[in-house]
N, C-alpha and C. Protein backbone atom coordinates (compact mmCIF):
# COMPACT_ATOMS: atom_id res chain seq x y z
N ARG A 1 26.29 20.84 -2.85
CA ARG A 1 25.75 20.32 -1.72
C ARG A 1 25.44 21.36 -0.75
N LYS A 2 23.74 22.41 0.04
CA LYS A 2 23.73 22.06 1.16
C LYS A 2 23.89 21.28 3.06
N THR A 3 24.70 21.88 3.25
CA THR A 3 24.82 21.07 4.51
C THR A 3 23.25 21.23 5.78
N GLN A 4 23.96 20.59 6.61
CA GLN A 4 22.25 21.39 7.58
C GLN A 4 23.15 22.64 8.60
N LYS A 5 23.44 22.82 8.69
CA LYS A 5 24.10 24.40 8.54
C LYS A 5 23.71 25.25 8.00
N ASP A 6 23.36 25.49 6.49
CA ASP A 6 22.98 26.10 5.63
C ASP A 6 21.32 26.23 5.28
N VAL A 7 20.53 25.53 6.05
CA VAL A 7 18.87 25.38 6.25
C VAL A 7 18.70 26.66 7.18
N ASP A 8 17.54 27.29 6.11
CA ASP A 8 16.13 28.13 7.15
C ASP A 8 15.52 27.36 7.07
N TYR A 9 14.75 27.82 8.13
CA TYR A 9 13.34 27.32 7.54
C TYR A 9 12.66 28.35 8.44
N VAL A 10 11.02 28.31 7.95
CA VAL A 10 9.98 28.86 8.67
C VAL A 10 9.50 28.74 8.72
N GLY A 11 8.55 28.12 9.92
CA GLY A 11 6.81 28.69 10.24
C GLY A 11 6.09 28.94 10.02
N VAL A 12 5.04 28.70 9.71
CA VAL A 12 3.93 29.63 9.50
C VAL A 12 2.41 28.93 10.69
N ASP A 13 2.01 29.70 10.89
CA ASP A 13 0.81 29.12 12.03
C ASP A 13 -0.34 30.66 12.20
N VAL A 14 -1.47 30.15 11.58
CA VAL A 14 -2.36 31.15 12.68
C VAL A 14 -2.35 31.27 14.48
N GLY A 15 -1.64 30.48 14.85
CA GLY A 15 -2.19 29.82 16.25
C GLY A 15 -0.93 30.77 17.45
N ARG A 16 -1.58 30.96 17.57
CA ARG A 16 -0.79 32.70 18.46
C ARG A 16 0.67 31.29 18.96
N GLU A 17 0.17 30.76 19.95
CA GLU A 17 0.31 29.97 21.25
C GLU A 17 0.32 29.42 20.22
N ARG A 18 1.25 28.84 19.44
CA ARG A 18 1.83 27.76 18.52
C ARG A 18 3.01 28.72 18.09
N ILE A 19 3.03 29.56 17.85
CA ILE A 19 4.18 30.80 17.30
C ILE A 19 5.09 30.94 18.51
N LYS A 20 4.13 31.09 19.30
CA LYS A 20 5.37 31.82 21.19
C LYS A 20 5.49 30.70 21.16
N ILE A 21 5.62 29.77 21.60
CA ILE A 21 6.44 28.23 21.33
C ILE A 21 7.45 28.60 21.05
N CYS A 22 7.49 27.91 19.66
CA CYS A 22 8.46 27.89 18.31
C CYS A 22 9.46 29.05 19.14
N ARG A 23 8.85 30.26 19.33
CA ARG A 23 9.55 30.34 19.43
C ARG A 23 10.94 31.05 20.53
N ARG A 24 9.91 30.31 21.40
CA ARG A 24 10.59 29.68 22.69
C ARG A 24 11.57 29.19 22.78
N LEU A 25 11.77 27.63 21.96
CA LEU A 25 12.02 26.44 22.43
C LEU A 25 13.84 26.25 21.62
N GLY A 26 13.59 28.33 20.97
CA GLY A 26 15.64 29.02 20.50
C GLY A 26 15.71 27.70 19.61
N PHE A 27 14.80 27.60 18.73
CA PHE A 27 15.85 26.35 17.89
C PHE A 27 16.98 27.26 17.41
N GLY A 28 16.74 28.24 17.31
CA GLY A 28 18.63 29.00 16.25
C GLY A 28 18.06 29.68 15.37
N GLU A 29 19.04 30.14 15.31
CA GLU A 29 18.87 31.65 14.88
C GLU A 29 18.41 31.40 12.94
N ARG A 30 18.54 30.65 12.72
CA ARG A 30 18.09 30.48 10.97
C ARG A 30 16.75 29.28 10.99
N PHE A 31 16.13 29.16 12.03
CA PHE A 31 15.19 28.85 12.25
C PHE A 31 13.43 30.12 12.90
N ARG A 32 12.91 30.65 11.86
CA ARG A 32 12.05 31.79 12.30
C ARG A 32 10.12 31.12 11.48
N PHE A 33 10.32 31.79 12.61
CA PHE A 33 8.41 30.95 13.16
C PHE A 33 7.21 32.83 13.14
N LYS A 34 6.69 33.10 12.00
CA LYS A 34 4.98 33.42 11.51
C LYS A 34 3.66 33.42 12.25
N ARG A 35 3.48 34.71 12.99
CA ARG A 35 2.59 33.89 12.70
C ARG A 35 1.19 35.27 11.22
N VAL A 36 0.33 34.74 10.71
CA VAL A 36 -0.31 35.10 10.09
C VAL A 36 -1.74 34.96 10.26
N ASP A 37 -2.64 36.26 10.33
CA ASP A 37 -4.10 36.26 10.94
C ASP A 37 -5.09 36.07 10.01
N VAL A 38 -5.04 34.92 9.64
CA VAL A 38 -5.99 34.38 8.70
C VAL A 38 -7.27 33.96 9.27
N LYS A 39 -8.10 34.63 9.06
CA LYS A 39 -10.20 33.68 9.61
C LYS A 39 -9.56 32.03 9.61
N SER A 40 -9.49 30.99 11.20
CA SER A 40 -10.25 30.10 10.62
C SER A 40 -11.67 30.06 11.82
N HIS A 41 -12.03 29.06 11.58
CA HIS A 41 -14.04 29.78 12.90
C HIS A 41 -13.14 27.87 13.82
N SER A 42 -12.00 27.70 13.92
CA SER A 42 -12.11 26.28 15.05
C SER A 42 -10.68 27.05 15.42
N TYR A 43 -9.51 27.93 14.44
CA TYR A 43 -8.19 28.38 15.45
C TYR A 43 -7.72 29.32 15.31
N ASN A 44 -8.52 30.10 14.40
CA ASN A 44 -8.44 31.36 14.67
C ASN A 44 -10.00 32.54 14.74
N PRO A 45 -10.64 31.95 15.06
CA PRO A 45 -12.25 32.80 14.32
C PRO A 45 -12.02 34.57 14.68
N MET A 46 -11.11 34.59 15.09
CA MET A 46 -11.08 37.08 15.36
C MET A 46 -10.23 37.08 14.17
N GLY A 47 -9.77 36.31 13.49
CA GLY A 47 -8.30 36.36 12.34
C GLY A 47 -9.24 37.22 11.08
N ARG A 48 -8.28 38.05 11.11
CA ARG A 48 -8.32 39.54 9.97
C ARG A 48 -8.30 39.14 8.28
N VAL A 49 -7.53 38.49 7.99
CA VAL A 49 -7.73 38.08 7.07
C VAL A 49 -8.58 36.14 6.89
N LYS A 50 -8.85 37.12 5.41
CA LYS A 50 -10.10 36.28 5.18
C LYS A 50 -9.12 34.76 4.08
N PRO A 51 -9.97 33.62 4.39
CA PRO A 51 -8.94 33.11 4.08
C PRO A 51 -8.55 32.33 2.45
N GLU A 52 -9.31 33.19 1.51
CA GLU A 52 -9.54 33.00 0.16
C GLU A 52 -8.51 34.35 -0.39
N GLU A 53 -8.21 35.06 0.93
CA GLU A 53 -7.42 36.00 0.46
C GLU A 53 -6.02 35.90 0.50
N PHE A 54 -5.84 34.85 1.53
CA PHE A 54 -4.62 34.31 1.90
C PHE A 54 -2.98 34.94 0.83
N THR A 55 -2.23 35.04 1.51
CA THR A 55 -1.50 35.98 1.09
C THR A 55 -0.05 35.38 2.03
N LEU A 56 0.93 34.82 0.94
CA LEU A 56 1.89 34.54 1.92
C LEU A 56 3.01 35.96 1.65
N TYR A 57 3.62 35.64 2.36
CA TYR A 57 4.62 37.32 2.67
C TYR A 57 5.97 36.87 1.99
N PHE A 58 5.85 35.93 1.65
CA PHE A 58 7.18 35.41 0.53
C PHE A 58 7.10 36.13 -1.04
N ALA A 59 8.85 36.13 -1.53
CA ALA A 59 9.19 36.84 -2.21
C ALA A 59 8.80 35.17 -3.25
N ASN A 60 8.12 35.42 -4.87
CA ASN A 60 8.39 34.75 -5.34
C ASN A 60 10.10 33.85 -5.23
N GLU A 61 9.19 31.92 -5.97
CA GLU A 61 10.09 31.12 -5.68
C GLU A 61 11.60 31.14 -5.27
N SER A 62 10.72 31.94 -3.99
CA SER A 62 12.40 31.86 -2.85
C SER A 62 11.81 30.44 -1.34
N PHE A 63 11.62 29.54 -2.10
CA PHE A 63 11.58 28.85 -0.97
C PHE A 63 12.13 27.07 -1.37
N ASP A 64 12.78 26.07 -1.64
CA ASP A 64 13.31 25.14 -2.04
C ASP A 64 12.21 24.56 -1.73
N SER A 65 11.91 24.02 -0.73
CA SER A 65 10.57 23.15 -0.01
C SER A 65 9.62 23.36 0.67
N VAL A 66 8.17 23.41 0.59
CA VAL A 66 7.91 23.73 1.27
C VAL A 66 7.24 22.20 2.06
N VAL A 67 6.26 22.16 3.13
CA VAL A 67 5.39 21.02 3.63
C VAL A 67 4.23 21.48 4.61
N CYS A 68 3.33 20.57 4.52
CA CYS A 68 1.99 20.92 4.07
C CYS A 68 1.22 19.91 5.03
N HIS A 69 1.80 19.48 6.49
CA HIS A 69 1.29 18.66 7.19
C HIS A 69 0.12 18.79 8.27
N SER A 70 -1.20 18.63 7.90
CA SER A 70 -2.70 18.77 8.01
C SER A 70 -2.68 20.24 7.74
N LEU A 71 -2.65 20.33 7.22
CA LEU A 71 -2.56 22.51 6.46
C LEU A 71 -4.67 22.23 6.03
N PHE A 72 -4.29 20.73 4.94
CA PHE A 72 -5.18 20.55 4.29
C PHE A 72 -6.27 20.46 4.16
N THR A 73 -5.65 19.19 5.65
CA THR A 73 -7.38 18.57 5.95
C THR A 73 -8.36 19.33 6.92
N HIS A 74 -8.23 21.25 7.18
CA HIS A 74 -8.68 22.45 7.82
C HIS A 74 -8.81 22.67 6.84
N LEU A 75 -8.79 23.20 6.26
CA LEU A 75 -8.99 24.58 5.23
C LEU A 75 -10.11 25.02 4.65
N ASP A 76 -11.96 24.11 5.39
CA ASP A 76 -13.27 23.94 5.44
C ASP A 76 -13.42 24.44 3.69
N THR A 77 -12.82 24.99 2.34
CA THR A 77 -13.69 24.61 1.47
C THR A 77 -12.17 24.43 -0.18
N GLU A 78 -12.18 24.23 -0.92
CA GLU A 78 -12.15 23.76 -2.25
C GLU A 78 -11.34 25.13 -2.94
N GLN A 79 -12.49 25.97 -2.52
CA GLN A 79 -11.69 27.18 -2.92
C GLN A 79 -10.35 27.21 -2.13
N VAL A 80 -10.93 27.22 -0.31
CA VAL A 80 -9.53 28.19 0.36
C VAL A 80 -8.29 27.26 0.16
N ALA A 81 -9.12 25.66 -0.34
CA ALA A 81 -7.86 25.05 -0.56
C ALA A 81 -6.63 25.91 -1.95
N SER A 82 -7.92 26.48 -2.87
CA SER A 82 -6.89 26.73 -4.24
C SER A 82 -6.59 27.59 -3.74
N ARG A 83 -6.57 28.31 -2.96
CA ARG A 83 -5.52 30.21 -2.79
C ARG A 83 -3.85 29.25 -2.39
N TYR A 84 -4.52 28.58 -1.07
CA TYR A 84 -3.02 27.79 -0.64
C TYR A 84 -2.07 27.29 -1.44
N ILE A 85 -2.93 26.79 -2.19
CA ILE A 85 -2.14 26.16 -3.27
C ILE A 85 -1.25 26.67 -4.23
N TYR A 86 -2.11 27.79 -5.24
CA TYR A 86 -1.17 28.86 -6.10
C TYR A 86 -0.16 29.36 -5.26
N GLU A 87 -0.68 30.03 -3.58
CA GLU A 87 0.72 30.82 -3.50
C GLU A 87 1.73 30.15 -2.91
N ILE A 88 1.79 28.12 -2.63
CA ILE A 88 2.50 27.84 -2.11
C ILE A 88 3.90 27.24 -3.55
N LYS A 89 2.39 27.02 -4.95
CA LYS A 89 3.62 27.21 -6.62
C LYS A 89 3.97 28.87 -6.08
N ARG A 90 4.05 29.69 -6.09
CA ARG A 90 4.51 31.29 -6.69
C ARG A 90 5.53 31.18 -5.46
N VAL A 91 5.44 30.57 -4.25
CA VAL A 91 6.60 31.00 -3.44
C VAL A 91 7.48 29.44 -3.59
N LEU A 92 7.47 28.75 -4.16
CA LEU A 92 7.72 27.13 -4.71
C LEU A 92 8.97 27.62 -5.81
N ARG A 93 10.26 27.48 -5.41
CA ARG A 93 10.64 27.57 -7.01
C ARG A 93 11.19 25.90 -7.58
N HIS A 94 10.76 26.40 -9.41
CA HIS A 94 10.99 25.67 -9.74
C HIS A 94 11.74 24.42 -10.29
N GLY A 95 11.56 22.64 -9.33
CA GLY A 95 12.54 21.50 -8.70
C GLY A 95 11.87 21.88 -7.14
N GLY A 96 11.20 23.14 -6.84
CA GLY A 96 11.31 22.60 -5.65
C GLY A 96 10.03 21.03 -4.96
N LEU A 97 10.13 21.38 -3.62
CA LEU A 97 9.50 20.12 -3.06
C LEU A 97 8.67 19.73 -2.32
N LEU A 98 6.95 19.73 -3.15
CA LEU A 98 6.32 19.71 -1.86
C LEU A 98 5.34 18.92 -1.06
N TRP A 99 5.18 18.75 0.49
CA TRP A 99 4.63 16.97 0.49
C TRP A 99 3.07 18.31 1.50
N THR A 100 2.88 17.27 1.40
CA THR A 100 0.83 17.41 1.55
C THR A 100 0.34 17.02 2.35
N THR A 101 -0.69 16.82 3.18
CA THR A 101 -1.96 15.44 3.56
C THR A 101 -2.82 16.38 3.49
N TRP A 102 -3.97 15.47 3.05
CA TRP A 102 -4.83 15.40 2.91
C TRP A 102 -6.35 14.03 3.56
N PHE A 103 -7.72 14.79 3.57
CA PHE A 103 -8.45 13.52 3.41
C PHE A 103 -8.92 13.72 2.45
N LYS A 104 -9.60 11.57 1.80
CA LYS A 104 -9.74 11.65 0.33
C LYS A 104 -10.95 11.42 0.81
N SER A 105 -12.06 11.61 -0.28
CA SER A 105 -12.38 11.49 -0.82
C SER A 105 -13.48 10.49 -2.61
N PRO A 106 -12.80 8.74 -2.18
CA PRO A 106 -13.25 7.57 -1.31
C PRO A 106 -11.76 7.87 -0.24
N PRO A 107 -12.25 6.57 -0.17
CA PRO A 107 -13.39 6.50 0.79
C PRO A 107 -14.35 7.10 1.95
N ASN A 108 -13.59 8.60 2.52
CA ASN A 108 -13.38 9.63 2.97
C ASN A 108 -15.63 10.31 2.93
N GLU A 109 -15.64 10.66 2.91
CA GLU A 109 -17.51 11.24 2.49
C GLU A 109 -17.24 13.00 1.93
N VAL A 110 -17.11 14.19 1.52
CA VAL A 110 -16.87 14.38 1.29
C VAL A 110 -17.22 15.71 1.88
N CYS A 111 -17.09 16.40 2.54
CA CYS A 111 -16.76 17.24 3.24
C CYS A 111 -15.98 18.87 3.89
N GLY A 112 -17.39 19.98 4.14
CA GLY A 112 -16.45 21.64 4.23
C GLY A 112 -16.06 21.04 5.68
N GLY A 113 -15.72 22.53 6.65
CA GLY A 113 -15.34 22.71 7.80
C GLY A 113 -14.29 22.56 8.09
N THR A 114 -13.39 23.00 9.67
CA THR A 114 -12.43 24.28 9.49
C THR A 114 -11.59 22.64 10.76
N VAL A 115 -12.87 22.09 11.41
CA VAL A 115 -12.27 20.56 11.84
C VAL A 115 -11.85 19.81 11.03
N ARG A 116 -11.87 19.73 9.93
CA ARG A 116 -11.93 17.94 9.41
C ARG A 116 -12.50 18.18 7.43
N THR A 117 -11.78 18.68 6.89
CA THR A 117 -12.14 19.52 5.01
C THR A 117 -11.69 17.40 4.54
N VAL A 118 -12.86 17.05 3.78
CA VAL A 118 -12.66 16.56 2.90
C VAL A 118 -12.63 16.37 1.72
N TYR A 119 -11.31 16.05 0.26
CA TYR A 119 -11.66 17.16 -1.06
C TYR A 119 -12.04 15.39 -1.84
N ASN A 120 -12.93 15.47 -2.72
CA ASN A 120 -12.48 14.26 -3.95
C ASN A 120 -11.41 14.45 -4.65
N ILE A 121 -10.89 13.39 -4.60
CA ILE A 121 -9.81 12.92 -5.12
C ILE A 121 -9.38 12.92 -6.07
N SER A 122 -10.25 13.62 -7.27
CA SER A 122 -9.96 14.46 -8.11
C SER A 122 -9.06 15.76 -8.50
N PHE A 123 -10.16 16.49 -6.77
CA PHE A 123 -9.94 17.97 -7.30
C PHE A 123 -8.75 17.88 -6.46
N ILE A 124 -7.90 16.66 -5.15
CA ILE A 124 -6.80 17.02 -5.40
C ILE A 124 -6.23 17.41 -6.64
N HIS A 125 -6.17 15.66 -7.15
CA HIS A 125 -5.37 16.03 -8.76
C HIS A 125 -5.29 17.18 -9.44
N GLU A 126 -6.44 18.03 -9.37
CA GLU A 126 -6.48 18.87 -10.31
C GLU A 126 -5.50 20.10 -9.60
N ALA A 127 -5.70 20.11 -8.18
CA ALA A 127 -4.82 21.03 -7.19
C ALA A 127 -3.71 21.19 -7.62
N LEU A 128 -2.77 19.68 -7.44
CA LEU A 128 -1.88 19.56 -7.35
C LEU A 128 -0.63 19.54 -9.16
N ALA A 129 -1.92 19.65 -10.55
CA ALA A 129 -1.39 19.78 -11.15
C ALA A 129 -0.28 20.46 -11.99
N ASP A 130 0.49 21.33 -11.14
CA ASP A 130 0.88 22.09 -11.40
C ASP A 130 2.76 21.33 -11.46
N PHE A 131 2.42 20.52 -10.13
CA PHE A 131 4.04 19.59 -9.97
C PHE A 131 3.43 18.09 -10.77
N GLU A 132 4.63 17.08 -9.95
CA GLU A 132 4.95 16.11 -10.59
C GLU A 132 4.85 15.57 -9.43
N PRO A 133 4.05 13.96 -9.19
CA PRO A 133 4.28 13.58 -8.08
C PRO A 133 4.42 12.53 -7.69
N ILE A 134 5.95 12.07 -6.09
CA ILE A 134 6.54 11.27 -6.73
C ILE A 134 6.32 10.34 -5.60
N TYR A 135 5.41 10.50 -4.66
CA TYR A 135 5.14 9.98 -3.27
C TYR A 135 3.93 9.93 -3.31
N MET A 136 2.44 9.21 -3.10
CA MET A 136 1.70 8.78 -2.63
C MET A 136 1.36 7.77 -2.01
N SER A 137 0.51 8.45 -0.60
CA SER A 137 0.89 6.81 0.03
C SER A 137 -0.79 6.93 1.00
N GLY A 138 -1.22 6.37 1.40
CA GLY A 138 -2.47 6.40 2.62
C GLY A 138 -3.87 7.44 2.25
N GLY A 139 -4.40 7.76 2.99
CA GLY A 139 -5.39 7.57 3.39
C GLY A 139 -6.68 6.87 2.49
N ASP A 140 -6.40 5.75 3.09
CA ASP A 140 -7.15 4.90 2.00
C ASP A 140 -9.00 4.22 2.88
N SER A 141 -8.00 4.89 4.52
CA SER A 141 -9.63 4.24 5.82
C SER A 141 -10.11 5.50 6.19
N ILE A 142 -10.94 5.89 6.61
CA ILE A 142 -11.66 6.68 7.32
C ILE A 142 -11.81 7.47 8.75
N ASP A 143 -10.16 6.57 9.07
CA ASP A 143 -9.28 7.01 10.38
C ASP A 143 -9.05 7.97 10.14
N ASP A 144 -9.40 9.13 11.28
CA ASP A 144 -8.80 10.62 11.53
C ASP A 144 -7.34 10.60 11.44
N ASN A 145 -6.27 10.07 11.48
CA ASN A 145 -4.52 9.38 11.77
C ASN A 145 -4.75 8.98 10.38
N ASP A 146 -5.40 8.96 9.55
CA ASP A 146 -4.84 8.25 7.51
C ASP A 146 -5.87 9.45 6.95
N GLN A 147 -4.20 9.78 6.90
CA GLN A 147 -4.65 11.05 5.87
C GLN A 147 -3.39 10.16 3.97
N LEU A 148 -4.08 11.48 2.95
CA LEU A 148 -3.02 10.71 2.27
C LEU A 148 -2.07 11.77 1.86
N GLU A 149 -0.50 11.57 1.54
CA GLU A 149 0.45 12.19 1.77
C GLU A 149 1.13 12.22 0.24
N ILE A 150 1.37 13.22 -0.54
CA ILE A 150 1.05 13.10 -1.70
C ILE A 150 3.19 14.00 -1.42
N ALA A 151 3.55 14.16 -1.48
CA ALA A 151 5.53 14.95 -1.99
C ALA A 151 5.10 14.46 -3.74
N CYS A 152 5.65 15.44 -3.60
CA CYS A 152 4.65 15.94 -5.54
C CYS A 152 6.73 17.64 -6.03
N VAL A 153 6.75 17.61 -6.84
CA VAL A 153 8.18 18.39 -7.56
C VAL A 153 7.42 19.70 -8.40
N ARG A 154 7.04 20.81 -8.23
CA ARG A 154 7.27 21.93 -8.45
C ARG A 154 6.93 21.85 -10.49
N ARG A 155 6.66 21.67 -11.79
CA ARG A 155 7.10 21.48 -12.90
C ARG A 155 7.29 23.73 -13.02
């Protein structure tokens, strides 16, 4: 059984300043923060990596869990979201936990854009087809703070 002392954490973000702040906070040697230079019209407009070509630079099945809080709500297109899910599935071990948040339609209208991305609920279910859902809540209003939360296990 793992204890808190055994936990390694890797934070990944496109925001240079957010990564710098996290590194300065001094979480300890078991916490690492990596910046990825993925282009985002809102968050990293000069990024060199096209989002639909994004690759996580980690070995296959090297993570026990992946948390994507308010990531898919800013990815712009289904194509990009599918690419990110592919990469997450690749680095997450079988039986590993994935926690995500989404804006869904209904009740929101489907739309793209890095400020707010809304997906049809059928796309979300299709994107997570290789995962077993264990928790799902929220996303029932158009409020910006009401995101659909899904926790699932990689099959």
